[in-house]
Protein backbone atom coordinates (compact mmCIF):
# COMPACT_ATOMS: atom_id res chain seq x y z
CA MET A 1 8.74 -26.31 22.32
CA SER A 2 7.11 -24.66 18.92
CA ARG A 3 7.19 -21.22 20.52
CA ILE A 4 10.64 -21.78 21.98
CA ARG A 5 12.25 -23.12 18.69
CA GLY A 6 10.50 -19.98 16.77
CA MET A 7 11.72 -17.83 19.58
CA ARG A 8 15.27 -19.21 18.92
CA GLY A 9 15.74 -16.86 15.66
CA TYR A 10 14.57 -13.62 17.33
CA LEU A 11 16.83 -13.89 20.31
CA ALA A 12 19.84 -14.78 18.43
CA SER A 13 19.22 -11.85 15.79
CA SER A 14 18.43 -9.50 18.83
CA ILE A 15 21.39 -10.26 20.68
CA ALA A 16 23.61 -9.63 17.72
CA VAL A 17 21.81 -6.25 17.30
CA THR A 18 22.47 -5.16 20.75
CA CYS A 19 25.99 -6.37 20.68
CA ALA A 20 26.67 -4.88 17.37
CA ALA A 21 25.51 -1.31 18.72
CA ALA A 22 27.17 -1.73 22.20
CA LEU A 23 31.05 -2.59 20.42
CA ALA A 24 33.15 0.26 21.54
CA PHE A 25 35.39 -0.96 18.95
CA PRO A 26 35.32 -1.69 15.23
CA LEU A 27 34.81 -4.98 14.39
CA ALA A 28 37.59 -6.45 12.33
CA LEU A 29 36.78 -9.06 9.21
CA SER A 30 38.81 -10.92 7.31
CA THR A 31 40.70 -8.54 4.86
CA GLU A 32 39.95 -8.25 0.88
CA ALA A 33 41.91 -5.52 -1.68
CA ALA A 34 39.42 -2.77 -2.24
CA ALA A 35 40.28 -0.45 -5.13
CA ALA A 36 38.76 1.44 -7.70
CA PRO A 37 39.53 3.64 -10.91
CA PRO A 38 40.80 7.23 -9.92
CA ALA A 39 39.18 10.16 -11.80
CA ALA A 40 40.36 14.05 -12.97
CA GLU A 41 38.63 16.49 -10.05
CA SER A 42 37.52 19.48 -11.88
CA PRO A 43 38.88 23.08 -9.70
CA THR A 44 36.12 24.32 -6.97
CA THR A 45 35.95 27.31 -4.86
CA ASP A 46 34.04 25.30 -2.30
CA ARG A 47 35.04 24.17 1.12
CA ALA A 48 34.81 20.49 1.88
CA THR A 49 33.62 19.73 5.14
CA PRO A 50 32.37 16.73 7.11
CA ASP A 51 29.06 15.75 7.54
CA ARG A 52 27.66 15.22 11.14
CA PRO A 53 25.64 12.23 11.83
CA ALA A 54 21.69 12.66 11.59
CA SER A 55 21.13 12.31 15.47
CA GLU A 56 23.82 15.51 15.83
CA ARG A 57 22.74 17.82 12.96
CA THR A 58 20.60 20.77 13.96
CA ALA A 59 17.01 21.56 12.72
CA ARG A 60 18.32 23.22 9.28
CA ALA A 61 20.13 20.01 7.80
CA ARG A 62 21.76 21.99 5.16
CA PRO A 63 24.76 24.20 6.05
CA GLU A 64 24.40 27.64 7.40
CA THR A 65 26.83 28.45 4.36
CA PRO A 66 24.77 27.53 1.63
CA SER A 67 27.56 27.36 -1.14
CA THR A 68 30.14 25.05 1.12
CA SER A 69 30.02 21.64 -0.14
CA THR A 70 29.64 18.87 2.63
CA THR A 71 30.90 15.44 2.68
CA SER A 72 30.74 12.43 5.08
CA ALA A 73 34.33 12.21 6.70
CA GLY A 74 32.13 11.91 9.76
CA THR A 75 32.84 11.17 13.55
CA ALA A 76 33.02 7.38 12.86
CA THR A 77 34.01 6.62 9.70
CA SER A 78 34.92 2.71 9.43
CA ALA A 79 38.11 1.79 7.76
CA ALA A 80 35.87 -0.08 4.89
CA GLU A 81 34.87 3.47 3.89
CA ALA A 82 37.49 5.09 4.14
CA ALA A 83 39.65 2.23 1.67
CA PRO A 84 38.13 2.93 -1.13
CA ALA A 85 40.21 5.04 -3.67
CA VAL A 86 38.09 8.21 -4.66
CA PRO A 87 38.18 10.75 -7.31
CA ALA A 88 41.51 12.72 -7.40
CA GLY A 89 41.86 15.84 -5.01
CA SER A 90 42.97 16.93 -2.26
CA ALA A 91 44.02 14.05 0.64
CA ALA A 92 41.19 14.99 2.79
CA ASP A 93 38.19 13.54 -0.65
CA ARG A 94 40.23 10.51 -1.13
CA SER A 95 39.59 9.60 1.99
CA ILE A 96 35.41 10.00 2.01
CA PRO A 97 32.61 8.54 0.10
CA GLY A 98 30.55 10.65 -1.64
CA SER A 99 29.88 14.71 -0.79
CA THR A 100 27.22 16.79 -0.98
CA GLN A 101 27.25 20.49 -3.31
CA SER A 102 24.33 22.92 -2.13
CA LEU A 103 23.84 25.68 -3.73
CA PRO A 104 21.63 28.51 -3.48
CA LEU A 105 19.48 29.71 -6.61
CA ALA A 106 18.55 33.50 -7.06
CA PRO A 107 16.91 35.67 -9.54
CA LEU A 108 17.36 35.12 -12.93
CA THR A 109 16.74 37.18 -16.02
CA PRO A 110 18.42 35.42 -19.04
CA PRO A 111 19.93 37.38 -22.37
CA SER A 112 17.40 37.72 -24.78
CA SER A 113 19.98 36.47 -27.57
CA ASP A 114 20.98 33.24 -25.16
CA ARG A 115 19.64 30.82 -27.64
CA THR A 116 20.82 27.80 -25.49
CA LEU A 117 17.96 28.40 -23.12
CA PRO A 118 15.20 25.61 -22.89
CA PRO A 119 11.92 27.14 -24.16
CA THR A 120 9.54 28.56 -22.26
CA SER A 121 5.90 28.40 -23.76
CA ALA A 122 4.39 26.56 -20.59
CA ALA A 123 5.89 29.50 -18.41
CA PRO A 124 5.90 33.01 -19.93
CA SER A 125 8.74 35.66 -19.35
CA SER A 126 6.58 37.35 -16.47
CA ALA A 127 6.71 34.17 -14.19
CA PRO A 128 9.53 34.08 -11.44
CA THR A 129 12.31 33.07 -12.29
CA GLN A 130 15.35 31.37 -10.31
CA GLY A 131 18.77 29.56 -11.26
CA LEU A 132 22.13 29.09 -11.17
CA PRO A 133 24.60 30.63 -14.69
CA ARG A 134 26.86 28.28 -16.12
CA ARG A 135 29.64 27.47 -13.38
CA ASP A 136 32.43 24.85 -12.18
CA VAL A 137 31.97 22.99 -9.44
CA ARG A 138 33.48 19.85 -7.76
CA HIS A 139 32.52 16.05 -9.27
CA PHE A 140 28.57 15.05 -8.93
CA SER A 141 26.48 12.44 -10.48
CA LEU A 142 23.23 13.58 -9.14
CA VAL A 143 21.33 16.42 -8.90
CA GLY A 144 17.93 17.90 -7.10
CA VAL A 145 16.52 21.11 -6.11
CA VAL A 146 15.35 21.75 -2.45
CA TRP A 147 13.51 24.21 -0.44
CA ASP A 148 12.68 25.45 2.87
CA ASN A 149 9.27 23.86 3.77
CA PRO A 150 8.33 20.16 2.93
CA ASP A 151 4.48 21.12 2.79
CA ALA A 152 4.94 23.86 -0.05
CA GLU A 153 5.14 22.94 -3.62
CA LEU A 154 7.18 23.84 -6.65
CA GLN A 155 4.43 24.66 -9.26
CA GLY A 156 6.66 25.24 -12.26
CA ARG A 157 9.61 23.94 -14.25
CA VAL A 158 12.94 22.40 -13.28
CA GLN A 159 15.64 22.27 -15.82
CA VAL A 160 18.97 21.40 -15.17
CA ARG A 161 22.18 20.78 -17.77
CA THR A 162 25.23 19.58 -17.17
CA ARG A 163 28.97 19.48 -17.95
CA ALA A 164 30.15 15.43 -18.44
CA SER A 165 33.67 15.34 -16.07
CA GLY A 166 37.16 16.34 -18.09
CA THR A 167 35.66 17.76 -21.12
CA ALA A 168 33.74 20.98 -22.18
CA LYS A 169 30.85 18.84 -23.93
CA TRP A 170 27.24 20.56 -21.98
CA SER A 171 24.19 18.09 -22.11
CA VAL A 172 21.18 19.41 -23.54
CA TRP A 173 18.23 20.80 -20.92
CA GLN A 174 16.75 17.99 -18.71
CA ASP A 175 13.60 18.58 -16.69
CA VAL A 176 14.07 17.20 -13.32
CA ASP A 177 9.99 15.97 -12.10
CA THR A 178 9.17 18.40 -9.06
CA HIS A 179 6.16 16.37 -8.00
CA ASN A 180 7.98 14.73 -5.31
CA HIS A 181 6.52 14.96 -1.73
CA GLU A 182 3.85 12.49 -2.04
CA HIS A 183 7.21 10.17 -1.55
CA ALA A 184 7.85 11.16 2.27
CA ALA A 185 6.89 9.88 5.57
CA ASP A 186 3.45 9.92 7.16
CA PRO A 187 1.97 13.16 8.51
CA ASP A 188 2.58 13.42 12.25
CA THR A 189 5.52 11.16 12.45
CA ALA A 190 8.37 11.47 13.97
CA GLU A 191 10.56 11.78 10.91
CA ARG A 192 8.04 13.92 8.93
CA THR A 193 7.71 16.36 11.95
CA SER A 194 11.84 16.59 13.22
CA GLY A 195 12.23 20.20 11.93
CA ARG A 196 14.95 18.88 9.42
CA VAL A 197 12.55 18.21 6.65
CA ARG A 198 12.31 20.25 3.24
CA GLY A 199 10.86 20.24 0.03
CA ALA A 200 12.67 19.01 -2.67
CA THR A 201 12.36 17.86 -6.09
CA ALA A 202 12.78 14.06 -7.56
CA PRO A 203 16.30 13.12 -7.87
CA LEU A 204 18.30 13.29 -11.39
CA TRP A 205 20.81 10.81 -12.61
CA VAL A 206 23.46 12.86 -14.91
CA GLY A 207 26.57 11.17 -14.89
CA ASP A 208 30.14 12.08 -13.91
CA SER A 209 29.82 15.72 -14.21
CA ASP A 210 31.72 18.88 -12.72
CA GLY A 211 29.71 21.52 -14.42
CA VAL A 212 26.06 23.11 -14.48
CA GLU A 213 23.48 25.38 -14.89
CA VAL A 214 20.24 25.58 -13.24
CA ARG A 215 16.53 27.64 -14.15
CA VAL A 216 13.42 27.38 -11.86
CA GLN A 217 10.39 28.70 -13.48
CA ALA A 218 7.12 28.96 -11.94
CA GLU A 219 3.77 28.52 -13.48
CA ALA A 220 1.46 31.21 -14.68
CA ASP A 221 -1.97 31.44 -14.56
CA GLY A 222 -3.08 32.02 -17.39
CA ARG A 223 -5.21 35.42 -17.18
CA PRO A 224 -3.51 38.22 -19.39
CA ARG A 225 -1.60 40.78 -18.65
CA THR A 226 -2.19 44.45 -20.53
CA ASP A 227 0.62 43.83 -22.33
CA GLY A 228 -0.78 40.50 -23.31
CA ARG A 229 1.82 38.55 -21.53
CA ALA A 230 -0.17 35.70 -18.79
CA VAL A 231 -0.04 36.66 -15.20
CA ALA A 232 2.52 35.17 -13.25
CA GLY A 233 1.10 32.20 -10.74
CA ASP A 234 2.23 31.15 -7.61
CA PRO A 235 5.66 32.42 -6.30
CA LEU A 236 8.38 29.88 -6.26
CA PRO A 237 9.52 28.47 -2.46
CA THR A 238 11.70 30.28 -0.57
CA GLY A 239 14.95 28.60 0.25
CA LEU A 240 16.12 27.23 -3.46
CA HIS A 241 18.96 25.65 -3.29
CA ILE A 242 20.36 22.61 -6.37
CA GLU A 243 21.99 20.20 -4.43
CA LEU A 244 24.75 18.57 -6.57
CA ILE A 245 25.25 14.46 -5.08
CA ASP A 246 28.46 12.62 -5.80
CA PRO A 247 28.77 9.13 -4.69
CA GLY A 248 31.71 8.27 -4.00
CA ALA A 249 33.84 5.65 -5.18
CA ASP A 250 32.44 2.47 -4.58
CA PRO A 251 33.92 0.74 -1.31
CA ALA A 252 35.85 -2.21 -2.60
CA ALA A 253 36.42 -3.66 -5.69
CA GLU A 254 33.96 -6.92 -5.93
CA PRO A 255 32.14 -8.69 -9.01
CA PRO A 256 29.32 -7.25 -10.60
CA PRO A 257 25.93 -7.29 -9.15
CA GLN A 258 24.64 -10.20 -11.06
CA ALA A 259 27.02 -12.12 -9.76
CA SER A 260 25.61 -15.23 -8.17
CA GLY A 261 26.79 -17.77 -5.16
CA VAL A 262 26.87 -17.54 -1.35
CA ASP A 263 28.42 -14.52 -0.08
CA THR A 264 31.39 -13.60 1.83
CA PRO A 265 31.64 -10.85 4.44
CA ARG A 266 33.10 -7.59 2.86
CA GLY A 267 36.64 -7.05 4.28
CA ASN A 268 38.16 -3.98 6.45
CA VAL A 269 36.52 -3.12 9.21
CA LEU A 270 32.97 -2.49 10.29
CA SER A 271 31.63 0.84 12.11
CA PRO A 272 29.31 0.07 15.56
CA GLU A 273 26.64 1.36 12.54
CA ALA A 274 27.41 -0.55 9.69
CA ALA A 275 27.60 -3.64 12.43
CA ALA A 276 23.90 -3.12 13.43
CA SER A 277 22.63 -2.47 10.16
CA SER A 278 24.01 -6.04 9.27
CA ALA A 279 23.19 -7.70 12.62
CA VAL A 280 19.42 -7.33 11.53
CA ASN A 281 19.94 -9.75 8.88
CA ALA A 282 22.31 -12.06 10.80
CA ASP A 283 19.51 -14.86 10.64
CA LEU A 284 20.10 -14.37 6.27
CA ALA A 285 23.95 -13.89 5.58
CA PRO A 286 27.27 -13.56 7.75
CA LEU A 287 27.79 -9.99 9.51
CA GLY A 288 29.22 -7.69 6.74
CA ALA A 289 27.64 -9.98 4.12
CA THR A 290 27.85 -7.78 0.87
CA THR A 291 24.60 -9.63 -0.24
CA ILE A 292 21.76 -12.47 0.77
CA PRO A 293 22.37 -15.34 -0.78
CA ALA A 294 19.22 -16.55 -2.69
CA LEU A 295 17.40 -19.51 -1.51
CA SER A 296 15.36 -22.99 -3.66
CA GLN A 297 11.59 -22.80 -3.35
CA LYS A 298 12.15 -26.08 -1.46
CA GLN A 299 14.63 -24.61 1.25
CA THR A 300 12.49 -21.33 2.16
CA GLU A 301 9.65 -23.49 3.11
CA ALA A 302 11.79 -25.66 4.75
CA ASP A 303 13.35 -22.89 6.67
CA LEU A 304 9.22 -21.01 6.75
CA ILE A 305 8.51 -24.42 8.39
CA ALA A 306 11.56 -25.11 10.85
CA THR A 307 10.60 -21.39 12.24
CA ARG A 308 7.26 -22.80 13.32
CA GLY A 309 8.72 -25.73 14.58
CA GLU A 310 7.13 -27.94 12.34
CA THR A 311 8.03 -30.82 10.66
CA SER A 312 8.22 -31.69 6.86
CA ASP A 313 4.98 -33.76 7.37
CA ALA A 314 2.98 -31.85 9.15
CA ALA A 315 3.11 -28.70 6.64
CA SER A 316 2.17 -31.08 4.00
CA GLY A 317 -0.78 -31.57 5.76
CA THR A 318 -0.24 -35.01 7.18
CA ALA A 319 0.01 -34.62 10.26
CA LYS A 320 -1.57 -32.95 13.04
CA PRO A 321 0.43 -30.15 15.58
CA ALA A 322 1.74 -31.05 18.79
CA ALA A 323 -0.93 -31.20 21.48
CA LYS A 324 0.80 -28.26 22.99
CA ASP A 325 0.63 -26.12 19.94
CA LYS A 326 -2.70 -24.42 19.16
CA PRO A 327 -3.58 -24.23 15.31
CA GLY A 328 -3.77 -21.05 13.67
CA VAL A 329 -1.65 -18.74 16.80
CA LYS A 330 0.59 -16.61 15.79
CA GLU A 331 4.44 -16.46 17.09
CA LYS A 332 5.50 -13.24 18.74
CA PRO A 333 6.15 -10.37 16.04
CA GLY A 334 10.27 -10.37 15.71
CA THR A 335 10.70 -14.14 15.71
CA THR A 336 13.13 -15.06 12.64
CA GLY A 337 14.73 -17.77 11.06
CA LYS A 338 16.72 -18.11 7.95
CA THR A 339 14.20 -16.64 5.78
CA GLY A 340 13.73 -14.11 8.23
CA THR A 341 9.79 -14.74 8.88
CA ILE A 342 8.16 -13.38 12.16
CA GLY A 343 5.61 -15.56 12.34
CA THR A 344 2.88 -14.47 10.68
CA ALA A 345 2.14 -16.73 7.57
CA ASP A 346 -0.46 -18.71 6.55
CA ALA A 347 -0.44 -21.29 9.69
CA ALA A 348 -3.50 -23.63 9.78
CA ASP A 349 -6.23 -24.85 7.96
CA PRO A 350 -9.29 -23.85 10.61
CA ALA A 351 -11.46 -26.40 8.94
CA THR A 352 -9.19 -29.38 9.65
CA GLY A 353 -6.37 -27.66 12.72
CA GLN A 354 -4.20 -29.15 10.34
CA ARG A 355 -0.86 -26.88 9.02
CA VAL A 356 -0.40 -26.36 5.65
CA LYS A 357 2.13 -25.67 3.38
CA PRO A 358 3.23 -22.05 3.56
CA TYR A 359 2.50 -19.82 0.58
CA ILE A 360 5.77 -17.92 -0.16
CA GLY A 361 7.93 -17.75 -3.24
CA ALA A 362 11.55 -18.59 -3.13
CA ARG A 363 13.97 -15.61 -1.67
CA PRO A 364 15.80 -13.97 -4.17
CA ARG A 365 19.37 -12.72 -4.00
CA ILE A 366 19.40 -9.56 -1.69
CA VAL A 367 22.38 -7.10 -2.43
CA THR A 368 22.91 -5.35 1.64
CA ARG A 369 23.45 -1.80 2.26
CA ARG A 370 26.96 -3.23 2.57
CA GLY A 371 27.27 -4.54 -1.06
CA TRP A 372 26.26 -0.93 -2.31
CA GLY A 373 28.35 0.89 0.11
CA ALA A 374 25.88 2.86 2.54
CA ASP A 375 27.61 4.97 4.77
CA GLU A 376 25.90 4.29 7.76
CA THR A 377 26.96 7.17 9.76
CA LEU A 378 24.61 9.63 7.45
CA ARG A 379 21.01 8.07 8.54
CA GLU A 380 19.47 7.62 11.92
CA ARG A 381 21.16 5.39 14.53
CA ASN A 382 17.92 3.83 15.35
CA PHE A 383 15.19 1.40 13.64
CA SER A 384 11.91 2.50 12.84
CA TYR A 385 9.46 -0.98 12.13
CA THR A 386 6.15 -0.74 11.82
CA LYS A 387 3.42 -3.73 12.77
CA THR A 388 3.25 -6.02 9.64
CA VAL A 389 3.46 -6.12 5.79
CA LYS A 390 -0.02 -6.49 4.20
CA ALA A 391 1.05 -4.62 0.68
CA ALA A 392 3.87 -3.64 -1.04
CA PHE A 393 3.83 -0.10 -2.93
CA VAL A 394 5.70 -0.08 -6.46
CA HIS A 395 7.46 3.22 -7.21
CA HIS A 396 9.96 4.36 -9.87
CA THR A 397 12.57 6.94 -8.94
CA ALA A 398 12.06 9.18 -11.83
CA SER A 399 16.18 10.18 -11.69
CA GLY A 400 16.60 8.59 -15.87
CA ASN A 401 17.24 5.71 -17.05
CA ASN A 402 20.63 6.65 -18.18
CA TYR A 403 22.65 4.23 -15.94
CA ARG A 404 24.11 1.22 -16.39
CA CYS A 405 23.53 -1.42 -14.32
CA ALA A 406 27.13 -1.79 -12.49
CA GLN A 407 26.34 2.24 -11.45
CA ALA A 408 22.91 1.14 -9.85
CA PRO A 409 24.46 1.21 -6.36
CA SER A 410 26.29 4.89 -7.36
CA VAL A 411 22.55 5.41 -8.11
CA ILE A 412 20.89 4.32 -5.00
CA ARG A 413 24.23 5.67 -2.66
CA SER A 414 23.13 9.11 -4.50
CA ILE A 415 19.79 9.00 -3.59
CA TYR A 416 20.31 7.60 -0.28
CA ARG A 417 22.50 10.76 0.66
CA TYR A 418 19.67 13.05 -1.56
CA HIS A 419 17.43 11.59 0.83
CA VAL A 420 18.99 11.62 3.65
CA LYS A 421 21.22 15.05 3.99
CA SER A 422 19.22 16.87 1.28
CA SER A 423 15.79 16.03 2.16
CA GLY A 424 15.93 16.01 5.62
CA TRP A 425 15.00 12.39 6.28
CA ARG A 426 16.27 9.55 8.69
CA ASP A 427 17.26 7.15 6.22
CA ILE A 428 16.63 6.34 1.91
CA GLY A 429 12.50 6.48 1.76
CA TYR A 430 12.37 3.20 0.29
CA ASN A 431 12.45 -0.82 1.69
CA PHE A 432 13.77 -2.20 -1.48
CA LEU A 433 15.31 -0.72 -4.83
CA VAL A 434 15.86 -2.87 -8.45
CA ASP A 435 18.00 -1.93 -11.36
CA LYS A 436 17.19 -2.55 -15.06
CA CYS A 437 19.26 -5.62 -15.19
CA GLY A 438 16.67 -7.41 -12.08
CA ASN A 439 19.35 -6.94 -9.19
CA ILE A 440 17.42 -6.46 -6.32
CA TYR A 441 18.59 -3.87 -3.31
CA GLU A 442 18.06 -3.75 0.44
CA GLY A 443 16.75 -0.05 1.50
CA ARG A 444 16.01 1.13 4.72
CA ALA A 445 18.28 -0.01 7.53
CA GLY A 446 16.30 -2.37 9.96
CA GLY A 447 16.30 -5.73 8.09
CA VAL A 448 15.24 -7.05 4.90
CA ALA A 449 12.64 -9.75 6.20
CA LYS A 450 10.97 -7.45 8.91
CA PRO A 451 8.20 -4.69 8.66
CA VAL A 452 10.41 -1.63 8.17
CA MET A 453 8.95 1.68 8.70
CA GLY A 454 9.69 3.34 5.04
CA ALA A 455 9.01 6.69 3.62
CA HIS A 456 7.81 6.04 0.25
CA THR A 457 4.25 6.39 0.02
CA LEU A 458 2.94 9.53 1.86
CA GLY A 459 -0.41 8.06 4.07
CA PHE A 460 -0.14 4.74 3.82
CA ASN A 461 3.64 3.59 5.15
CA THR A 462 2.19 1.76 7.92
CA ASN A 463 2.09 -2.11 7.45
CA SER A 464 3.90 -1.86 4.04
CA MET A 465 6.37 -1.80 2.15
CA GLY A 466 8.04 0.08 -0.62
CA ILE A 467 9.85 -1.11 -3.72
CA ALA A 468 11.42 1.91 -5.90
CA VAL A 469 12.59 0.57 -9.70
CA LEU A 470 15.16 2.67 -10.68
CA GLY A 471 14.63 4.93 -13.50
CA SER A 472 11.49 6.93 -15.13
CA PHE A 473 8.84 5.14 -16.68
CA GLY A 474 6.32 7.48 -17.89
CA THR A 475 7.02 7.08 -21.26
CA ALA A 476 9.82 4.41 -21.10
CA ASN A 477 8.94 0.76 -20.45
CA PRO A 478 10.59 -1.08 -17.80
CA PRO A 479 12.37 -3.73 -18.49
CA ALA A 480 10.85 -7.33 -18.31
CA ALA A 481 13.64 -8.00 -15.98
CA ALA A 482 12.88 -5.37 -13.45
CA VAL A 483 9.04 -6.74 -13.38
CA LYS A 484 10.61 -10.25 -12.89
CA ALA A 485 12.19 -9.32 -9.66
CA ILE A 486 9.06 -6.91 -8.45
CA ALA A 487 7.62 -10.67 -8.41
CA LYS A 488 10.16 -12.81 -6.73
CA LEU A 489 10.41 -10.03 -4.36
CA THR A 490 7.04 -9.55 -3.37
CA ALA A 491 6.43 -13.45 -3.60
CA TRP A 492 9.20 -13.80 -0.96
CA LYS A 493 8.71 -10.54 1.78
CA LEU A 494 4.80 -10.99 1.88
CA GLY A 495 4.50 -14.55 1.74
CA LEU A 496 6.43 -14.20 5.30
CA PHE A 497 3.38 -12.13 6.33
CA GLY A 498 1.17 -14.36 4.92
CA ALA A 499 -0.19 -11.83 1.91
CA ASN A 500 -1.55 -13.46 -1.50
CA PRO A 501 -0.46 -11.05 -4.15
CA LYS A 502 -3.49 -11.04 -6.02
CA GLY A 503 -5.29 -10.13 -3.00
CA LYS A 504 -7.07 -7.27 -1.39
CA THR A 505 -6.08 -5.17 2.11
CA TYR A 506 -7.11 -3.05 3.66
CA LEU A 507 -4.96 -0.04 5.17
CA LYS A 508 -5.57 3.15 7.45
CA SER A 509 -4.50 6.65 5.59
CA GLY A 510 -2.45 8.64 7.63
CA GLY A 511 -3.57 11.57 5.61
CA GLY A 512 -3.29 12.38 1.43
CA ASN A 513 -4.48 14.21 -1.21
CA LEU A 514 -6.66 10.94 -2.37
CA TYR A 515 -7.99 9.46 1.37
CA ARG A 516 -8.49 11.35 4.36
CA LYS A 517 -6.54 10.44 7.58
CA GLY A 518 -8.16 7.18 8.97
CA LYS A 519 -10.38 6.31 6.39
CA ASN A 520 -9.55 2.41 5.75
CA VAL A 521 -8.91 2.19 2.44
CA ARG A 522 -9.50 -1.59 0.18
CA LEU A 523 -6.56 -2.05 -1.87
CA ASN A 524 -4.48 -4.27 -4.37
CA VAL A 525 -1.57 -6.02 -2.03
CA ILE A 526 0.68 -4.80 -5.03
CA SER A 527 -0.61 -1.75 -5.29
CA GLY A 528 1.05 1.53 -7.59
CA HIS A 529 2.30 4.57 -5.47
CA ARG A 530 -0.67 6.49 -7.78
CA ASP A 531 -3.30 3.91 -6.12
CA GLY A 532 -2.60 5.77 -2.77
CA PHE A 533 -1.87 9.42 -3.55
CA ALA A 534 -2.82 11.24 -6.92
CA THR A 535 0.50 10.97 -8.83
CA GLU A 536 2.56 9.92 -11.91
CA CYS A 537 4.73 7.45 -9.72
CA PRO A 538 5.32 5.00 -10.37
CA GLY A 539 4.98 5.81 -14.33
CA GLY A 540 2.08 4.65 -16.46
CA ARG A 541 4.12 2.41 -18.30
CA LEU A 542 5.12 0.21 -15.27
CA TYR A 543 1.92 0.33 -13.62
CA ALA A 544 0.20 -0.71 -16.39
CA LYS A 545 2.57 -3.92 -15.91
CA LEU A 546 1.28 -4.28 -12.25
CA GLY A 547 -1.34 -7.16 -12.97
CA LYS A 548 1.49 -8.88 -14.59
CA ALA A 549 3.87 -8.68 -11.54
CA ARG A 550 0.65 -9.59 -9.18
CA ALA A 551 -0.16 -13.16 -11.33
CA THR A 552 3.31 -14.06 -11.24
CA SER A 553 4.31 -13.44 -7.61
CA ALA A 554 1.13 -15.52 -6.44
CA ARG A 555 2.55 -18.42 -8.71
CA TYR A 556 5.79 -18.11 -7.60
CA GLN A 557 4.19 -18.39 -4.14
CA GLY A 558 2.40 -21.51 -4.91
CA ARG A 559 -1.01 -20.33 -5.49
């Protein structure tokens, strides 16, 4: 009987996903008014062309004409995506939820009289330099640099400066984090070997802009030449492009992310892709919901217990399992209840054979992909899963801290587009994202309670999840709200899979610069990215807070 009850959520979820994906016509939901403030659009010489779904793109995801702007008119754009107002421009622009401009970089020799250029003491003038002179472009808010070979590293310095939209004010030169290749799918996986993946810097959020200037300079190896200057080091990667990402307007006017309470579905129409993405969370929220509501500790525990087919007495250890139940036997992976558990959480005390109260934190409020406005036609249509979740890797996006919490959905949409359209990934790489106010967002599609395979920690994406805090925390302290959100999220998600946030676990390396492929590595259940790969991520200041996050997460689980 318990197995029948346990399978109930799994069947419901599976049927919902199948039906959603098989829809031959859009699914109509209750309507809401959608609005967003217009902004001025600058003139541009780039022609907008529609994005294509990932499954239809060629091996070169970047357009053949690099200077052509790409926009997501899409072959299956839903009415929900077309409804919001976007910055003023052409009639086509007003129905497009974001765009990407990919502009080629060329050899650059700056005039010696140009005092606006950044200091180059770290990269002598003999080092190769490419860039883009100051120019007007269409609106964008996030930048990054990509190149052809994903296995090539950009050894050098990337700097950009931008002009705020509708003004003559240019920013100072800003550094873009060049060490980003360790945020990627594992070697030899289908995502990594798709032929679409390119090398890329970290993205940088610059805010609404309509002008850009770029400078990329290779490192020198330090040996002196006959004229006293240093010898140039490794050449820059081939195919350098600057990617300018416009996140588009928010899909609907709604309360800020901090709002609480039970969510109702967003209005208008769901495309088949959006319906499928929402259906995998059908046990947690209505189809088309913009948030998954929080549950209390008691509700979360009760739902997990109900999913196992137990009574509250059994959970407290005062009753033994039914005769047909075998203590400690785990349900089939994929079985879900309202908490989304797949039936692998702490099940029984082997000494007494009695069921025990589960160690799980209260489910936190999570903004869904629909809530932050994901264009579901960009990603690969199928979902990819791993077997379980044994560990959580914490990251920072290295995209800067110059954003407001109300802008977090726009930042996420930009990173999503950068990961898919510019970097060639199947979807956004992280499983979850957290903003500086502590709001939690669904990342890669597949279901927030399921073991979705991400592309966040090269070599350790299997049986793990990736949580990225929006911002850069090498020298800046992470907000306490963000650290608390990490603890809440891990207490719940790791609790679904029976993992102790203060414990250790073993993961098999898929290959990287710290551990050879196939090596079993002992790691903290809550680890920083740098624990699995030699990298600065998640920044020294955030990494220093992980001990507190582990202790708090375990306390939330009742340990």
